[in-house]
Amino acid sequence: MKGKRYSEEKIIAILKEHESGVPVVELVRRHGVSEQSIYRWKTKYGGMEVSDAKRLRELEEENRRLKRMVADLSLDKQMLEDVLSKKY
């Protein structure tokens, strides 16, 4: 998968330009991104500050880690139940 070209901080700066009245067409030309990217960023990061984006990134990472832990624990629990349910 291709890496991200812009950091959250840069994306928020681009969106701030748009909020200040710069047309999307100008942003597309200036930053070399598609209109779809601008609108997708606006949906995800619209109205955020840089600190909010950093916090969002931290929360997403924590959520990923917790989901992985739950999956591992569920697998361990299932294996233990399978071992205990066998009759000798």
N, C-alpha and C. Protein backbone atom coordinates (compact mmCIF):
# COMPACT_ATOMS: atom_id res chain seq x y z
N MET A 1 0.84 -1.18 0.00
CA MET A 1 0.00 0.00 0.00
C MET A 1 0.88 1.24 0.00
N LYS A 2 0.48 2.21 -0.74
CA LYS A 2 1.23 3.44 -0.85
C LYS A 2 1.13 4.25 0.45
N GLY A 3 2.26 4.83 0.85
CA GLY A 3 2.29 5.62 2.07
C GLY A 3 1.56 6.94 1.92
N LYS A 4 1.25 7.55 3.03
CA LYS A 4 0.56 8.84 3.00
C LYS A 4 1.51 9.92 2.50
N ARG A 5 1.01 10.76 1.65
CA ARG A 5 1.82 11.84 1.10
C ARG A 5 1.82 13.04 2.02
N TYR A 6 0.69 13.27 2.68
CA TYR A 6 0.56 14.43 3.55
C TYR A 6 0.25 13.98 4.98
N SER A 7 0.86 14.67 5.92
CA SER A 7 0.57 14.39 7.33
C SER A 7 -0.75 15.06 7.70
N GLU A 8 -1.29 14.68 8.85
CA GLU A 8 -2.53 15.29 9.30
C GLU A 8 -2.37 16.80 9.48
N GLU A 9 -1.19 17.22 9.93
CA GLU A 9 -0.96 18.65 10.13
C GLU A 9 -1.03 19.41 8.80
N LYS A 10 -0.43 18.83 7.75
CA LYS A 10 -0.45 19.48 6.43
C LYS A 10 -1.87 19.48 5.86
N ILE A 11 -2.59 18.40 6.06
CA ILE A 11 -3.97 18.31 5.57
C ILE A 11 -4.82 19.40 6.23
N ILE A 12 -4.66 19.57 7.53
CA ILE A 12 -5.44 20.59 8.24
C ILE A 12 -5.07 21.98 7.75
N ALA A 13 -3.79 22.20 7.45
CA ALA A 13 -3.36 23.49 6.91
C ALA A 13 -4.02 23.75 5.55
N ILE A 14 -4.09 22.73 4.72
CA ILE A 14 -4.75 22.87 3.41
C ILE A 14 -6.23 23.17 3.59
N LEU A 15 -6.88 22.49 4.54
CA LEU A 15 -8.30 22.74 4.79
C LEU A 15 -8.54 24.14 5.35
N LYS A 16 -7.60 24.63 6.16
CA LYS A 16 -7.71 26.01 6.68
C LYS A 16 -7.67 27.00 5.52
N GLU A 17 -6.83 26.73 4.51
CA GLU A 17 -6.79 27.59 3.33
C GLU A 17 -8.16 27.61 2.66
N HIS A 18 -8.77 26.43 2.54
CA HIS A 18 -10.09 26.35 1.91
C HIS A 18 -11.13 27.12 2.71
N GLU A 19 -11.07 27.00 4.04
CA GLU A 19 -12.01 27.72 4.90
C GLU A 19 -11.83 29.23 4.80
N SER A 20 -10.61 29.66 4.49
CA SER A 20 -10.36 31.11 4.38
C SER A 20 -10.80 31.66 3.03
N GLY A 21 -11.31 30.81 2.14
CA GLY A 21 -11.88 31.31 0.90
C GLY A 21 -11.16 30.90 -0.36
N VAL A 22 -10.09 30.13 -0.26
CA VAL A 22 -9.37 29.68 -1.45
C VAL A 22 -10.21 28.59 -2.12
N PRO A 23 -10.50 28.72 -3.42
CA PRO A 23 -11.32 27.71 -4.11
C PRO A 23 -10.62 26.35 -4.16
N VAL A 24 -11.42 25.30 -4.22
CA VAL A 24 -10.89 23.94 -4.26
C VAL A 24 -10.01 23.74 -5.49
N VAL A 25 -10.40 24.32 -6.61
CA VAL A 25 -9.62 24.19 -7.84
C VAL A 25 -8.20 24.74 -7.64
N GLU A 26 -8.08 25.86 -6.94
CA GLU A 26 -6.78 26.44 -6.66
C GLU A 26 -5.95 25.53 -5.74
N LEU A 27 -6.60 24.95 -4.72
CA LEU A 27 -5.90 24.05 -3.82
C LEU A 27 -5.41 22.81 -4.55
N VAL A 28 -6.25 22.29 -5.45
CA VAL A 28 -5.88 21.11 -6.23
C VAL A 28 -4.62 21.40 -7.04
N ARG A 29 -4.60 22.54 -7.69
CA ARG A 29 -3.46 22.91 -8.53
C ARG A 29 -2.22 23.18 -7.68
N ARG A 30 -2.39 23.89 -6.59
CA ARG A 30 -1.27 24.29 -5.76
C ARG A 30 -0.59 23.12 -5.03
N HIS A 31 -1.40 22.18 -4.56
CA HIS A 31 -0.85 21.09 -3.74
C HIS A 31 -0.75 19.76 -4.48
N GLY A 32 -1.27 19.70 -5.68
CA GLY A 32 -1.14 18.48 -6.48
C GLY A 32 -1.95 17.31 -5.97
N VAL A 33 -3.14 17.58 -5.48
CA VAL A 33 -4.04 16.51 -5.03
C VAL A 33 -5.34 16.59 -5.84
N SER A 34 -6.14 15.56 -5.74
CA SER A 34 -7.41 15.57 -6.46
C SER A 34 -8.49 16.27 -5.64
N GLU A 35 -9.54 16.67 -6.33
CA GLU A 35 -10.68 17.29 -5.63
C GLU A 35 -11.28 16.30 -4.63
N GLN A 36 -11.33 15.04 -5.04
CA GLN A 36 -11.89 14.01 -4.17
C GLN A 36 -11.12 13.93 -2.86
N SER A 37 -9.79 14.07 -2.94
CA SER A 37 -8.98 14.04 -1.71
C SER A 37 -9.35 15.20 -0.80
N ILE A 38 -9.51 16.38 -1.37
CA ILE A 38 -9.88 17.56 -0.57
C ILE A 38 -11.19 17.30 0.16
N TYR A 39 -12.19 16.81 -0.56
CA TYR A 39 -13.50 16.59 0.05
C TYR A 39 -13.47 15.44 1.06
N ARG A 40 -12.67 14.41 0.79
CA ARG A 40 -12.53 13.31 1.74
C ARG A 40 -11.86 13.81 3.03
N TRP A 41 -10.81 14.63 2.88
CA TRP A 41 -10.13 15.21 4.04
C TRP A 41 -11.09 16.10 4.82
N LYS A 42 -11.91 16.85 4.07
CA LYS A 42 -12.85 17.76 4.72
C LYS A 42 -13.85 16.98 5.57
N THR A 43 -14.26 15.82 5.07
CA THR A 43 -15.17 14.97 5.83
C THR A 43 -14.53 14.46 7.11
N LYS A 44 -13.27 14.04 7.01
CA LYS A 44 -12.60 13.45 8.16
C LYS A 44 -12.02 14.49 9.11
N TYR A 45 -11.39 15.54 8.57
CA TYR A 45 -10.66 16.49 9.40
C TYR A 45 -11.30 17.87 9.48
N GLY A 46 -12.46 18.05 8.88
CA GLY A 46 -13.09 19.37 8.86
C GLY A 46 -13.34 19.91 10.26
N GLY A 47 -12.91 21.13 10.52
CA GLY A 47 -13.11 21.78 11.81
C GLY A 47 -12.13 21.37 12.89
N MET A 48 -11.15 20.55 12.55
CA MET A 48 -10.18 20.11 13.55
C MET A 48 -8.98 21.06 13.61
N GLU A 49 -8.36 21.03 14.76
CA GLU A 49 -7.07 21.69 14.93
C GLU A 49 -6.00 20.61 14.90
N VAL A 50 -4.75 21.01 14.82
CA VAL A 50 -3.65 20.05 14.75
C VAL A 50 -3.63 19.16 15.99
N SER A 51 -3.88 19.73 17.16
CA SER A 51 -3.89 18.93 18.39
C SER A 51 -5.01 17.88 18.36
N ASP A 52 -6.14 18.25 17.76
CA ASP A 52 -7.25 17.29 17.64
C ASP A 52 -6.85 16.12 16.74
N ALA A 53 -6.15 16.42 15.65
CA ALA A 53 -5.73 15.36 14.73
C ALA A 53 -4.72 14.42 15.39
N LYS A 54 -3.81 14.99 16.19
CA LYS A 54 -2.85 14.15 16.90
C LYS A 54 -3.58 13.24 17.88
N ARG A 55 -4.55 13.78 18.57
CA ARG A 55 -5.33 12.99 19.53
C ARG A 55 -6.11 11.90 18.81
N LEU A 56 -6.67 12.23 17.64
CA LEU A 56 -7.40 11.24 16.84
C LEU A 56 -6.48 10.10 16.45
N ARG A 57 -5.28 10.42 16.01
CA ARG A 57 -4.31 9.40 15.61
C ARG A 57 -3.96 8.50 16.80
N GLU A 58 -3.76 9.10 17.98
CA GLU A 58 -3.46 8.32 19.17
C GLU A 58 -4.62 7.39 19.54
N LEU A 59 -5.84 7.91 19.45
CA LEU A 59 -7.01 7.10 19.78
C LEU A 59 -7.20 5.95 18.80
N GLU A 60 -6.94 6.21 17.50
CA GLU A 60 -7.06 5.15 16.51
C GLU A 60 -6.03 4.06 16.76
N GLU A 61 -4.82 4.45 17.12
CA GLU A 61 -3.78 3.46 17.43
C GLU A 61 -4.15 2.66 18.67
N GLU A 62 -4.65 3.32 19.69
CA GLU A 62 -5.06 2.62 20.91
C GLU A 62 -6.21 1.67 20.61
N ASN A 63 -7.14 2.09 19.79
CA ASN A 63 -8.27 1.25 19.41
C ASN A 63 -7.79 0.00 18.67
N ARG A 64 -6.83 0.17 17.73
CA ARG A 64 -6.27 -0.98 17.02
C ARG A 64 -5.61 -1.96 17.99
N ARG A 65 -4.84 -1.43 18.93
CA ARG A 65 -4.15 -2.27 19.90
C ARG A 65 -5.15 -3.04 20.77
N LEU A 66 -6.20 -2.35 21.23
CA LEU A 66 -7.21 -3.00 22.07
C LEU A 66 -7.98 -4.07 21.31
N LYS A 67 -8.30 -3.81 20.06
CA LYS A 67 -9.00 -4.82 19.25
C LYS A 67 -8.14 -6.07 19.08
N ARG A 68 -6.84 -5.86 18.86
CA ARG A 68 -5.92 -6.98 18.73
C ARG A 68 -5.88 -7.79 20.03
N MET A 69 -5.85 -7.09 21.17
CA MET A 69 -5.83 -7.77 22.47
C MET A 69 -7.10 -8.59 22.68
N VAL A 70 -8.24 -8.02 22.34
CA VAL A 70 -9.52 -8.73 22.50
C VAL A 70 -9.54 -9.97 21.61
N ALA A 71 -9.05 -9.84 20.38
CA ALA A 71 -9.02 -10.99 19.47
C ALA A 71 -8.12 -12.09 20.03
N ASP A 72 -6.95 -11.72 20.55
CA ASP A 72 -6.04 -12.71 21.12
C ASP A 72 -6.66 -13.40 22.34
N LEU A 73 -7.27 -12.62 23.22
CA LEU A 73 -7.89 -13.19 24.41
C LEU A 73 -9.07 -14.09 24.05
N SER A 74 -9.84 -13.71 23.04
CA SER A 74 -10.97 -14.53 22.61
C SER A 74 -10.47 -15.86 22.06
N LEU A 75 -9.39 -15.81 21.31
CA LEU A 75 -8.80 -17.04 20.77
C LEU A 75 -8.30 -17.94 21.91
N ASP A 76 -7.61 -17.35 22.89
CA ASP A 76 -7.13 -18.12 24.04
C ASP A 76 -8.30 -18.75 24.79
N LYS A 77 -9.35 -17.99 25.00
CA LYS A 77 -10.53 -18.50 25.71
C LYS A 77 -11.15 -19.66 24.95
N GLN A 78 -11.26 -19.53 23.63
CA GLN A 78 -11.85 -20.59 22.82
C GLN A 78 -11.01 -21.86 22.88
N MET A 79 -9.69 -21.71 22.84
CA MET A 79 -8.81 -22.88 22.92
C MET A 79 -8.96 -23.57 24.28
N LEU A 80 -9.02 -22.79 25.37
CA LEU A 80 -9.18 -23.39 26.69
C LEU A 80 -10.53 -24.10 26.83
N GLU A 81 -11.57 -23.50 26.27
CA GLU A 81 -12.89 -24.15 26.32
C GLU A 81 -12.87 -25.46 25.54
N ASP A 82 -12.19 -25.47 24.39
CA ASP A 82 -12.10 -26.70 23.60
C ASP A 82 -11.36 -27.79 24.36
N VAL A 83 -10.29 -27.41 25.04
CA VAL A 83 -9.51 -28.40 25.80
C VAL A 83 -10.35 -28.94 26.96
N LEU A 84 -11.05 -28.06 27.65
CA LEU A 84 -11.85 -28.49 28.81
C LEU A 84 -13.07 -29.29 28.40
N SER A 85 -13.59 -29.07 27.23
CA SER A 85 -14.82 -29.76 26.82
C SER A 85 -14.57 -31.18 26.35
N LYS A 86 -13.32 -31.54 26.05
CA LYS A 86 -13.02 -32.91 25.59
C LYS A 86 -13.16 -33.88 26.77
N LYS A 87 -13.84 -34.99 26.50
CA LYS A 87 -14.04 -36.00 27.53
C LYS A 87 -12.99 -37.10 27.36
N TYR A 88 -12.37 -37.48 28.45
CA TYR A 88 -11.34 -38.51 28.36
C TYR A 88 -11.86 -39.81 28.86
